Structure formats: structure tokens, C-alpha cells
Amino acid sequence: MRMVFGEYIHQKRIRKEIPLREFARRIGVSAEYICNIEKGRKAAPSSDVLEKIIIVLSLTSQEIEQVYDLAASSKAAENAVPEDLACFLNENKYVI
């Protein structure tokens, strides 16, 4: 069975022995928000929050690649427009 974004973050956080509230505080978001991500009730966060998660969890380059892949799958599952595509479209109105 393929891992999903929230499960992956949850497992990494638990392995690092970081309590949920402490993890949320270090990232600058609410514990409820992190809980919803870990439980799969919310898609992966914005790239800014994702970067903070990567730093707090001290992920390796291979783990970072996996996080980005899982985050993209999470957002696609929610039918979200990828953040980089949304920026491109906003900057290039003629494309729309």
C-alpha cells in the first residue's frame, strides 16, 4: 500500500519524538491543522509550511523528494491546481 502525505509526516514526527503541539509550534501553525493533515482530512500545506516541516524534521534529500511527491499527490487528490502552475497563470494572463 502506498504511503500518503499525512501518514508520512506523522511517522517522521513520531520517529523524531516530537509531540504534535511542539511540532505545530515550531512550524507556526495550529496543532489542529497538523492533526488534520496527518489524518488525511486536509491536503498538503503551502510550500512555505512544507519547507518548515522539512527543516523541523531534518529530512534527507531522498526524504525531501518523497515529501514533495506525496504533497503533489495529496493536492492532486483534492483537485487543487499545483501552486507553481497557479503562479504561472497569475503572472501570464494571456495563457488563460
PDB file of N, CA and C in Angstrom:
ATOM      1  N   MET A   1       0.835  -1.184   0.000  1.00  0.00           N
ATOM      2  CA  MET A   1       0.000   0.000   0.000  1.00  0.00           C
ATOM      3  C   MET A   1       0.884   1.253   0.000  1.00  0.00           C
ATOM      4  N   ARG A   2       0.540   2.218  -0.824  1.00  0.00           N
ATOM      5  CA  ARG A   2       1.337   3.434  -0.958  1.00  0.00           C
ATOM      6  C   ARG A   2       1.069   4.391   0.196  1.00  0.00           C
ATOM      7  N   MET A   3       2.134   4.962   0.692  1.00  0.00           N
ATOM      8  CA  MET A   3       2.045   5.937   1.786  1.00  0.00           C
ATOM      9  C   MET A   3       1.423   7.227   1.247  1.00  0.00           C
ATOM     10  N   VAL A   4       0.648   7.892   2.085  1.00  0.00           N
ATOM     11  CA  VAL A   4       0.101   9.194   1.732  1.00  0.00           C
ATOM     12  C   VAL A   4       0.807  10.264   2.554  1.00  0.00           C
ATOM     13  N   PHE A   5       0.694  11.502   2.123  1.00  0.00           N
ATOM     14  CA  PHE A   5       1.434  12.613   2.713  1.00  0.00           C
ATOM     15  C   PHE A   5       1.279  12.690   4.232  1.00  0.00           C
ATOM     16  N   GLY A   6       0.058  12.738   4.720  1.00  0.00           N
ATOM     17  CA  GLY A   6      -0.185  12.889   6.152  1.00  0.00           C
ATOM     18  C   GLY A   6       0.422  11.774   6.982  1.00  0.00           C
ATOM     19  N   GLU A   7       0.280  10.536   6.504  1.00  0.00           N
ATOM     20  CA  GLU A   7       0.862   9.391   7.214  1.00  0.00           C
ATOM     21  C   GLU A   7       2.381   9.510   7.278  1.00  0.00           C
ATOM     22  N   TYR A   8       2.960   9.916   6.166  1.00  0.00           N
ATOM     23  CA  TYR A   8       4.416  10.038   6.090  1.00  0.00           C
ATOM     24  C   TYR A   8       4.924  11.067   7.101  1.00  0.00           C
ATOM     25  N   ILE A   9       4.288  12.222   7.135  1.00  0.00           N
ATOM     26  CA  ILE A   9       4.681  13.274   8.081  1.00  0.00           C
ATOM     27  C   ILE A   9       4.497  12.783   9.518  1.00  0.00           C
ATOM     28  N   HIS A  10       3.387  12.109   9.764  1.00  0.00           N
ATOM     29  CA  HIS A  10       3.114  11.580  11.106  1.00  0.00           C
ATOM     30  C   HIS A  10       4.218  10.614  11.540  1.00  0.00           C
ATOM     31  N   GLN A  11       4.571   9.686  10.667  1.00  0.00           N
ATOM     32  CA  GLN A  11       5.610   8.703  11.007  1.00  0.00           C
ATOM     33  C   GLN A  11       6.957   9.373  11.273  1.00  0.00           C
ATOM     34  N   LYS A  12       7.318  10.336  10.450  1.00  0.00           N
ATOM     35  CA  LYS A  12       8.592  11.039  10.643  1.00  0.00           C
ATOM     36  C   LYS A  12       8.587  11.821  11.953  1.00  0.00           C
ATOM     37  N   ARG A  13       7.471  12.456  12.257  1.00  0.00           N
ATOM     38  CA  ARG A  13       7.363  13.231  13.506  1.00  0.00           C
ATOM     39  C   ARG A  13       7.489  12.316  14.717  1.00  0.00           C
ATOM     40  N   ILE A  14       6.819  11.180  14.674  1.00  0.00           N
ATOM     41  CA  ILE A  14       6.865  10.225  15.782  1.00  0.00           C
ATOM     42  C   ILE A  14       8.281   9.668  15.945  1.00  0.00           C
ATOM     43  N   ARG A  15       8.936   9.332  14.838  1.00  0.00           N
ATOM     44  CA  ARG A  15      10.316   8.817  14.914  1.00  0.00           C
ATOM     45  C   ARG A  15      11.279   9.832  15.528  1.00  0.00           C
ATOM     46  N   LYS A  16      11.018  11.100  15.278  1.00  0.00           N
ATOM     47  CA  LYS A  16      11.863  12.164  15.843  1.00  0.00           C
ATOM     48  C   LYS A  16      11.432  12.512  17.270  1.00  0.00           C
ATOM     49  N   GLU A  17      10.371  11.856  17.729  1.00  0.00           N
ATOM     50  CA  GLU A  17       9.847  12.063  19.080  1.00  0.00           C
ATOM     51  C   GLU A  17       9.469  13.522  19.354  1.00  0.00           C
ATOM     52  N   ILE A  18       8.790  14.116  18.366  1.00  0.00           N
ATOM     53  CA  ILE A  18       8.323  15.496  18.509  1.00  0.00           C
ATOM     54  C   ILE A  18       6.820  15.447  18.759  1.00  0.00           C
ATOM     55  N   PRO A  19       6.366  15.902  19.920  1.00  0.00           N
ATOM     56  CA  PRO A  19       4.922  15.931  20.181  1.00  0.00           C
ATOM     57  C   PRO A  19       4.191  16.838  19.182  1.00  0.00           C
ATOM     58  N   LEU A  20       2.944  16.525  18.927  1.00  0.00           N
ATOM     59  CA  LEU A  20       2.141  17.258  17.948  1.00  0.00           C
ATOM     60  C   LEU A  20       2.137  18.760  18.199  1.00  0.00           C
ATOM     61  N   ARG A  21       1.856  19.167  19.421  1.00  0.00           N
ATOM     62  CA  ARG A  21       1.778  20.603  19.730  1.00  0.00           C
ATOM     63  C   ARG A  21       3.132  21.294  19.545  1.00  0.00           C
ATOM     64  N   GLU A  22       4.200  20.626  19.930  1.00  0.00           N
ATOM     65  CA  GLU A  22       5.541  21.189  19.754  1.00  0.00           C
ATOM     66  C   GLU A  22       5.876  21.321  18.270  1.00  0.00           C
ATOM     67  N   PHE A  23       5.530  20.302  17.497  1.00  0.00           N
ATOM     68  CA  PHE A  23       5.761  20.311  16.054  1.00  0.00           C
ATOM     69  C   PHE A  23       5.027  21.486  15.415  1.00  0.00           C
ATOM     70  N   ALA A  24       3.762  21.637  15.765  1.00  0.00           N
ATOM     71  CA  ALA A  24       2.950  22.731  15.222  1.00  0.00           C
ATOM     72  C   ALA A  24       3.540  24.085  15.615  1.00  0.00           C
ATOM     73  N   ARG A  25       3.970  24.212  16.864  1.00  0.00           N
ATOM     74  CA  ARG A  25       4.553  25.478  17.339  1.00  0.00           C
ATOM     75  C   ARG A  25       5.811  25.823  16.543  1.00  0.00           C
ATOM     76  N   ARG A  26       6.667  24.841  16.311  1.00  0.00           N
ATOM     77  CA  ARG A  26       7.914  25.083  15.558  1.00  0.00           C
ATOM     78  C   ARG A  26       7.642  25.501  14.116  1.00  0.00           C
ATOM     79  N   ILE A  27       6.565  24.982  13.560  1.00  0.00           N
ATOM     80  CA  ILE A  27       6.222  25.298  12.173  1.00  0.00           C
ATOM     81  C   ILE A  27       5.454  26.606  12.073  1.00  0.00           C
ATOM     82  N   GLY A  28       4.765  26.955  13.156  1.00  0.00           N
ATOM     83  CA  GLY A  28       3.998  28.197  13.152  1.00  0.00           C
ATOM     84  C   GLY A  28       2.560  28.032  12.714  1.00  0.00           C
ATOM     85  N   VAL A  29       2.007  26.841  12.948  1.00  0.00           N
ATOM     86  CA  VAL A  29       0.603  26.578  12.625  1.00  0.00           C
ATOM     87  C   VAL A  29      -0.061  25.961  13.852  1.00  0.00           C
ATOM     88  N   SER A  30      -1.355  25.736  13.774  1.00  0.00           N
ATOM     89  CA  SER A  30      -2.066  25.148  14.911  1.00  0.00           C
ATOM     90  C   SER A  30      -1.878  23.626  14.941  1.00  0.00           C
ATOM     91  N   ALA A  31      -1.986  23.073  16.125  1.00  0.00           N
ATOM     92  CA  ALA A  31      -1.909  21.620  16.291  1.00  0.00           C
ATOM     93  C   ALA A  31      -3.077  20.951  15.550  1.00  0.00           C
ATOM     94  N   GLU A  32      -4.226  21.609  15.557  1.00  0.00           N
ATOM     95  CA  GLU A  32      -5.394  21.076  14.852  1.00  0.00           C
ATOM     96  C   GLU A  32      -5.115  20.949  13.350  1.00  0.00           C
ATOM     97  N   TYR A  33      -4.451  21.947  12.801  1.00  0.00           N
ATOM     98  CA  TYR A  33      -4.121  21.926  11.371  1.00  0.00           C
ATOM     99  C   TYR A  33      -3.203  20.746  11.048  1.00  0.00           C
ATOM    100  N   ILE A  34      -2.157  20.540  11.863  1.00  0.00           N
ATOM    101  CA  ILE A  34      -1.237  19.418  11.644  1.00  0.00           C
ATOM    102  C   ILE A  34      -1.980  18.091  11.813  1.00  0.00           C
ATOM    103  N   CYS A  35      -2.817  18.009  12.820  1.00  0.00           N
ATOM    104  CA  CYS A  35      -3.607  16.794  13.050  1.00  0.00           C
ATOM    105  C   CYS A  35      -4.467  16.476  11.824  1.00  0.00           C
ATOM    106  N   ASN A  36      -5.113  17.481  11.266  1.00  0.00           N
ATOM    107  CA  ASN A  36      -5.948  17.279  10.082  1.00  0.00           C
ATOM    108  C   ASN A  36      -5.134  16.826   8.879  1.00  0.00           C
ATOM    109  N   ILE A  37      -3.929  17.330   8.746  1.00  0.00           N
ATOM    110  CA  ILE A  37      -3.048  16.885   7.656  1.00  0.00           C
ATOM    111  C   ILE A  37      -2.654  15.430   7.885  1.00  0.00           C
ATOM    112  N   GLU A  38      -2.207  15.119   9.088  1.00  0.00           N
ATOM    113  CA  GLU A  38      -1.754  13.761   9.389  1.00  0.00           C
ATOM    114  C   GLU A  38      -2.876  12.734   9.248  1.00  0.00           C
ATOM    115  N   LYS A  39      -4.092  13.132   9.539  1.00  0.00           N
ATOM    116  CA  LYS A  39      -5.247  12.219   9.428  1.00  0.00           C
ATOM    117  C   LYS A  39      -5.810  12.172   8.009  1.00  0.00           C
ATOM    118  N   GLY A  40      -5.265  12.987   7.093  1.00  0.00           N
ATOM    119  CA  GLY A  40      -5.723  12.983   5.714  1.00  0.00           C
ATOM    120  C   GLY A  40      -6.976  13.800   5.471  1.00  0.00           C
ATOM    121  N   ARG A  41      -7.349  14.618   6.442  1.00  0.00           N
ATOM    122  CA  ARG A  41      -8.536  15.466   6.277  1.00  0.00           C
ATOM    123  C   ARG A  41      -8.226  16.747   5.523  1.00  0.00           C
ATOM    124  N   LYS A  42      -6.952  17.074   5.438  1.00  0.00           N
ATOM    125  CA  LYS A  42      -6.500  18.239   4.670  1.00  0.00           C
ATOM    126  C   LYS A  42      -5.364  17.799   3.767  1.00  0.00           C
ATOM    127  N   ALA A  43      -5.265  18.446   2.616  1.00  0.00           N
ATOM    128  CA  ALA A  43      -4.171  18.166   1.687  1.00  0.00           C
ATOM    129  C   ALA A  43      -2.879  18.770   2.235  1.00  0.00           C
ATOM    130  N   ALA A  44      -1.813  18.507   1.552  1.00  0.00           N
ATOM    131  CA  ALA A  44      -0.507  19.050   1.943  1.00  0.00           C
ATOM    132  C   ALA A  44      -0.586  20.573   2.031  1.00  0.00           C
ATOM    133  N   PRO A  45       0.205  21.167   2.915  1.00  0.00           N
ATOM    134  CA  PRO A  45       0.167  22.621   3.102  1.00  0.00           C
ATOM    135  C   PRO A  45       0.869  23.368   1.980  1.00  0.00           C
ATOM    136  N   SER A  46       0.880  24.690   2.094  1.00  0.00           N
ATOM    137  CA  SER A  46       1.577  25.544   1.123  1.00  0.00           C
ATOM    138  C   SER A  46       3.070  25.234   1.138  1.00  0.00           C
ATOM    139  N   SER A  47       3.758  25.692   0.131  1.00  0.00           N
ATOM    140  CA  SER A  47       5.202  25.422   0.039  1.00  0.00           C
ATOM    141  C   SER A  47       5.974  26.038   1.202  1.00  0.00           C
ATOM    142  N   ASP A  48       5.521  27.179   1.718  1.00  0.00           N
ATOM    143  CA  ASP A  48       6.191  27.797   2.869  1.00  0.00           C
ATOM    144  C   ASP A  48       6.129  26.894   4.098  1.00  0.00           C
ATOM    145  N   VAL A  49       4.960  26.368   4.373  1.00  0.00           N
ATOM    146  CA  VAL A  49       4.779  25.483   5.530  1.00  0.00           C
ATOM    147  C   VAL A  49       5.511  24.167   5.286  1.00  0.00           C
ATOM    148  N   LEU A  50       5.463  23.688   4.058  1.00  0.00           N
ATOM    149  CA  LEU A  50       6.157  22.452   3.716  1.00  0.00           C
ATOM    150  C   LEU A  50       7.665  22.576   3.961  1.00  0.00           C
ATOM    151  N   GLU A  51       8.225  23.714   3.605  1.00  0.00           N
ATOM    152  CA  GLU A  51       9.655  23.955   3.855  1.00  0.00           C
ATOM    153  C   GLU A  51       9.967  23.912   5.350  1.00  0.00           C
ATOM    154  N   LYS A  52       9.099  24.487   6.158  1.00  0.00           N
ATOM    155  CA  LYS A  52       9.306  24.470   7.610  1.00  0.00           C
ATOM    156  C   LYS A  52       9.223  23.046   8.148  1.00  0.00           C
ATOM    157  N   ILE A  53       8.299  22.258   7.627  1.00  0.00           N
ATOM    158  CA  ILE A  53       8.174  20.861   8.041  1.00  0.00           C
ATOM    159  C   ILE A  53       9.462  20.106   7.734  1.00  0.00           C
ATOM    160  N   ILE A  54       9.999  20.322   6.541  1.00  0.00           N
ATOM    161  CA  ILE A  54      11.239  19.666   6.121  1.00  0.00           C
ATOM    162  C   ILE A  54      12.385  20.027   7.059  1.00  0.00           C
ATOM    163  N   ILE A  55      12.463  21.284   7.431  1.00  0.00           N
ATOM    164  CA  ILE A  55      13.530  21.745   8.329  1.00  0.00           C
ATOM    165  C   ILE A  55      13.368  21.147   9.725  1.00  0.00           C
ATOM    166  N   VAL A  56      12.159  21.222  10.272  1.00  0.00           N
ATOM    167  CA  VAL A  56      11.917  20.724  11.628  1.00  0.00           C
ATOM    168  C   VAL A  56      12.179  19.214  11.714  1.00  0.00           C
ATOM    169  N   LEU A  57      11.821  18.475  10.664  1.00  0.00           N
ATOM    170  CA  LEU A  57      12.030  17.029  10.671  1.00  0.00           C
ATOM    171  C   LEU A  57      13.446  16.631  10.249  1.00  0.00           C
ATOM    172  N   SER A  58      14.251  17.600   9.821  1.00  0.00           N
ATOM    173  CA  SER A  58      15.633  17.334   9.379  1.00  0.00           C
ATOM    174  C   SER A  58      15.684  16.197   8.359  1.00  0.00           C
ATOM    175  N   LEU A  59      14.904  16.337   7.295  1.00  0.00           N
ATOM    176  CA  LEU A  59      14.809  15.286   6.296  1.00  0.00           C
ATOM    177  C   LEU A  59      16.033  15.246   5.389  1.00  0.00           C
ATOM    178  N   THR A  60      16.363  14.049   4.925  1.00  0.00           N
ATOM    179  CA  THR A  60      17.456  13.870   3.966  1.00  0.00           C
ATOM    180  C   THR A  60      16.960  14.290   2.586  1.00  0.00           C
ATOM    181  N   SER A  61      17.859  14.401   1.630  1.00  0.00           N
ATOM    182  CA  SER A  61      17.454  14.811   0.279  1.00  0.00           C
ATOM    183  C   SER A  61      16.496  13.789  -0.341  1.00  0.00           C
ATOM    184  N   GLN A  62      16.695  12.519  -0.062  1.00  0.00           N
ATOM    185  CA  GLN A  62      15.787  11.490  -0.571  1.00  0.00           C
ATOM    186  C   GLN A  62      14.408  11.622   0.081  1.00  0.00           C
ATOM    187  N   GLU A  63      14.380  11.888   1.375  1.00  0.00           N
ATOM    188  CA  GLU A  63      13.108  12.072   2.079  1.00  0.00           C
ATOM    189  C   GLU A  63      12.397  13.331   1.597  1.00  0.00           C
ATOM    190  N   ILE A  64      13.160  14.364   1.292  1.00  0.00           N
ATOM    191  CA  ILE A  64      12.571  15.610   0.782  1.00  0.00           C
ATOM    192  C   ILE A  64      11.883  15.355  -0.556  1.00  0.00           C
ATOM    193  N   GLU A  65      12.538  14.597  -1.435  1.00  0.00           N
ATOM    194  CA  GLU A  65      11.930  14.250  -2.720  1.00  0.00           C
ATOM    195  C   GLU A  65      10.614  13.513  -2.503  1.00  0.00           C
ATOM    196  N   GLN A  66      10.631  12.564  -1.567  1.00  0.00           N
ATOM    197  CA  GLN A  66       9.416  11.804  -1.297  1.00  0.00           C
ATOM    198  C   GLN A  66       8.317  12.707  -0.735  1.00  0.00           C
ATOM    199  N   VAL A  67       8.687  13.636   0.140  1.00  0.00           N
ATOM    200  CA  VAL A  67       7.696  14.565   0.698  1.00  0.00           C
ATOM    201  C   VAL A  67       7.052  15.391  -0.410  1.00  0.00           C
ATOM    202  N   TYR A  68       7.865  15.909  -1.326  1.00  0.00           N
ATOM    203  CA  TYR A  68       7.311  16.709  -2.421  1.00  0.00           C
ATOM    204  C   TYR A  68       6.398  15.873  -3.324  1.00  0.00           C
ATOM    205  N   ASP A  69       6.794  14.632  -3.596  1.00  0.00           N
ATOM    206  CA  ASP A  69       5.953  13.754  -4.412  1.00  0.00           C
ATOM    207  C   ASP A  69       4.624  13.467  -3.720  1.00  0.00           C
ATOM    208  N   LEU A  70       4.699  13.148  -2.439  1.00  0.00           N
ATOM    209  CA  LEU A  70       3.473  12.866  -1.684  1.00  0.00           C
ATOM    210  C   LEU A  70       2.600  14.107  -1.555  1.00  0.00           C
ATOM    211  N   ALA A  71       3.227  15.269  -1.373  1.00  0.00           N
ATOM    212  CA  ALA A  71       2.471  16.525  -1.278  1.00  0.00           C
ATOM    213  C   ALA A  71       1.737  16.795  -2.590  1.00  0.00           C
ATOM    214  N   ALA A  72       2.420  16.589  -3.712  1.00  0.00           N
ATOM    215  CA  ALA A  72       1.789  16.811  -5.015  1.00  0.00           C
ATOM    216  C   ALA A  72       0.615  15.858  -5.215  1.00  0.00           C
ATOM    217  N   SER A  73       0.791  14.603  -4.829  1.00  0.00           N
ATOM    218  CA  SER A  73      -0.303  13.629  -4.941  1.00  0.00           C
ATOM    219  C   SER A  73      -1.470  14.022  -4.049  1.00  0.00           C
ATOM    220  N   SER A  74      -1.159  14.519  -2.868  1.00  0.00           N
ATOM    221  CA  SER A  74      -2.183  14.949  -1.928  1.00  0.00           C
ATOM    222  C   SER A  74      -3.003  16.092  -2.513  1.00  0.00           C
ATOM    223  N   LYS A  75      -2.320  17.047  -3.106  1.00  0.00           N
ATOM    224  CA  LYS A  75      -3.018  18.197  -3.680  1.00  0.00           C
ATOM    225  C   LYS A  75      -3.800  17.805  -4.922  1.00  0.00           C
ATOM    226  N   ALA A  76      -3.244  16.891  -5.717  1.00  0.00           N
ATOM    227  CA  ALA A  76      -3.945  16.432  -6.916  1.00  0.00           C
ATOM    228  C   ALA A  76      -5.222  15.694  -6.526  1.00  0.00           C
ATOM    229  N   ALA A  77      -5.145  14.935  -5.451  1.00  0.00           N
ATOM    230  CA  ALA A  77      -6.320  14.196  -4.980  1.00  0.00           C
ATOM    231  C   ALA A  77      -7.422  15.144  -4.554  1.00  0.00           C
ATOM    232  N   GLU A  78      -7.051  16.338  -4.141  1.00  0.00           N
ATOM    233  CA  GLU A  78      -8.028  17.331  -3.720  1.00  0.00           C
ATOM    234  C   GLU A  78      -8.442  18.225  -4.895  1.00  0.00           C
ATOM    235  N   ASN A  79      -7.975  17.875  -6.102  1.00  0.00           N
ATOM    236  CA  ASN A  79      -8.262  18.623  -7.321  1.00  0.00           C
ATOM    237  C   ASN A  79      -7.754  20.059  -7.266  1.00  0.00           C
ATOM    238  N   ALA A  80      -6.686  20.269  -6.548  1.00  0.00           N
ATOM    239  CA  ALA A  80      -6.102  21.603  -6.450  1.00  0.00           C
ATOM    240  C   ALA A  80      -5.180  21.839  -7.643  1.00  0.00           C
ATOM    241  N   VAL A  81      -5.079  23.078  -8.034  1.00  0.00           N
ATOM    242  CA  VAL A  81      -4.124  23.447  -9.071  1.00  0.00           C
ATOM    243  C   VAL A  81      -2.766  23.543  -8.392  1.00  0.00           C
ATOM    244  N   PRO A  82      -1.735  22.883  -8.943  1.00  0.00           N
ATOM    245  CA  PRO A  82      -0.416  22.968  -8.329  1.00  0.00           C
ATOM    246  C   PRO A  82       0.005  24.428  -8.148  1.00  0.00           C
ATOM    247  N   GLU A  83       0.653  24.697  -7.034  1.00  0.00           N
ATOM    248  CA  GLU A  83       0.999  26.066  -6.663  1.00  0.00           C
ATOM    249  C   GLU A  83       1.837  26.768  -7.731  1.00  0.00           C
ATOM    250  N   ASP A  84       2.798  26.049  -8.326  1.00  0.00           N
ATOM    251  CA  ASP A  84       3.645  26.678  -9.334  1.00  0.00           C
ATOM    252  C   ASP A  84       2.849  27.006 -10.599  1.00  0.00           C
ATOM    253  N   LEU A  85       1.868  26.166 -10.941  1.00  0.00           N
ATOM    254  CA  LEU A  85       1.032  26.435 -12.108  1.00  0.00           C
ATOM    255  C   LEU A  85       0.128  27.635 -11.854  1.00  0.00           C
ATOM    256  N   ALA A  86      -0.428  27.729 -10.659  1.00  0.00           N
ATOM    257  CA  ALA A  86      -1.280  28.868 -10.312  1.00  0.00           C
ATOM    258  C   ALA A  86      -0.491  30.171 -10.409  1.00  0.00           C
ATOM    259  N   CYS A  87       0.744  30.167  -9.920  1.00  0.00           N
ATOM    260  CA  CYS A  87       1.595  31.364 -10.010  1.00  0.00           C
ATOM    261  C   CYS A  87       1.863  31.719 -11.466  1.00  0.00           C
ATOM    262  N   PHE A  88       2.168  30.709 -12.279  1.00  0.00           N
ATOM    263  CA  PHE A  88       2.428  30.941 -13.699  1.00  0.00           C
ATOM    264  C   PHE A  88       1.217  31.558 -14.375  1.00  0.00           C
ATOM    265  N   LEU A  89       0.035  31.002 -14.102  1.00  0.00           N
ATOM    266  CA  LEU A  89      -1.183  31.520 -14.719  1.00  0.00           C
ATOM    267  C   LEU A  89      -1.488  32.944 -14.268  1.00  0.00           C
ATOM    268  N   ASN A  90      -1.253  33.240 -12.994  1.00  0.00           N
ATOM    269  CA  ASN A  90      -1.488  34.590 -12.491  1.00  0.00           C
ATOM    270  C   ASN A  90      -0.534  35.600 -13.108  1.00  0.00           C
ATOM    271  N   GLU A  91       0.684  35.173 -13.392  1.00  0.00           N
ATOM    272  CA  GLU A  91       1.682  36.077 -13.965  1.00  0.00           C
ATOM    273  C   GLU A  91       1.541  36.214 -15.476  1.00  0.00           C
ATOM    274  N   ASN A  92       0.859  35.280 -16.105  1.00  0.00           N
ATOM    275  CA  ASN A  92       0.737  35.265 -17.560  1.00  0.00           C
ATOM    276  C   ASN A  92      -0.734  35.170 -17.967  1.00  0.00           C
ATOM    277  N   LYS A  93      -1.427  36.261 -17.821  1.00  0.00           N
ATOM    278  CA  LYS A  93      -2.872  36.295 -18.060  1.00  0.00           C
ATOM    279  C   LYS A  93      -3.254  35.881 -19.489  1.00  0.00           C
ATOM    280  N   TYR A  94      -2.346  36.068 -20.440  1.00  0.00           N
ATOM    281  CA  TYR A  94      -2.654  35.735 -21.830  1.00  0.00           C
ATOM    282  C   TYR A  94      -2.849  34.217 -22.010  1.00  0.00           C
ATOM    283  N   VAL A  95      -2.286  33.404 -21.111  1.00  0.00           N
ATOM    284  CA  VAL A  95      -2.434  31.958 -21.181  1.00  0.00           C
ATOM    285  C   VAL A  95      -3.869  31.562 -20.889  1.00  0.00           C
ATOM    286  N   ILE A  96      -4.487  32.243 -19.947  1.00  0.00           N
ATOM    287  CA  ILE A  96      -5.868  31.929 -19.558  1.00  0.00           C
ATOM    288  C   ILE A  96      -6.792  32.240 -20.721  1.00  0.00           C
TER     289      ILE A  96
END
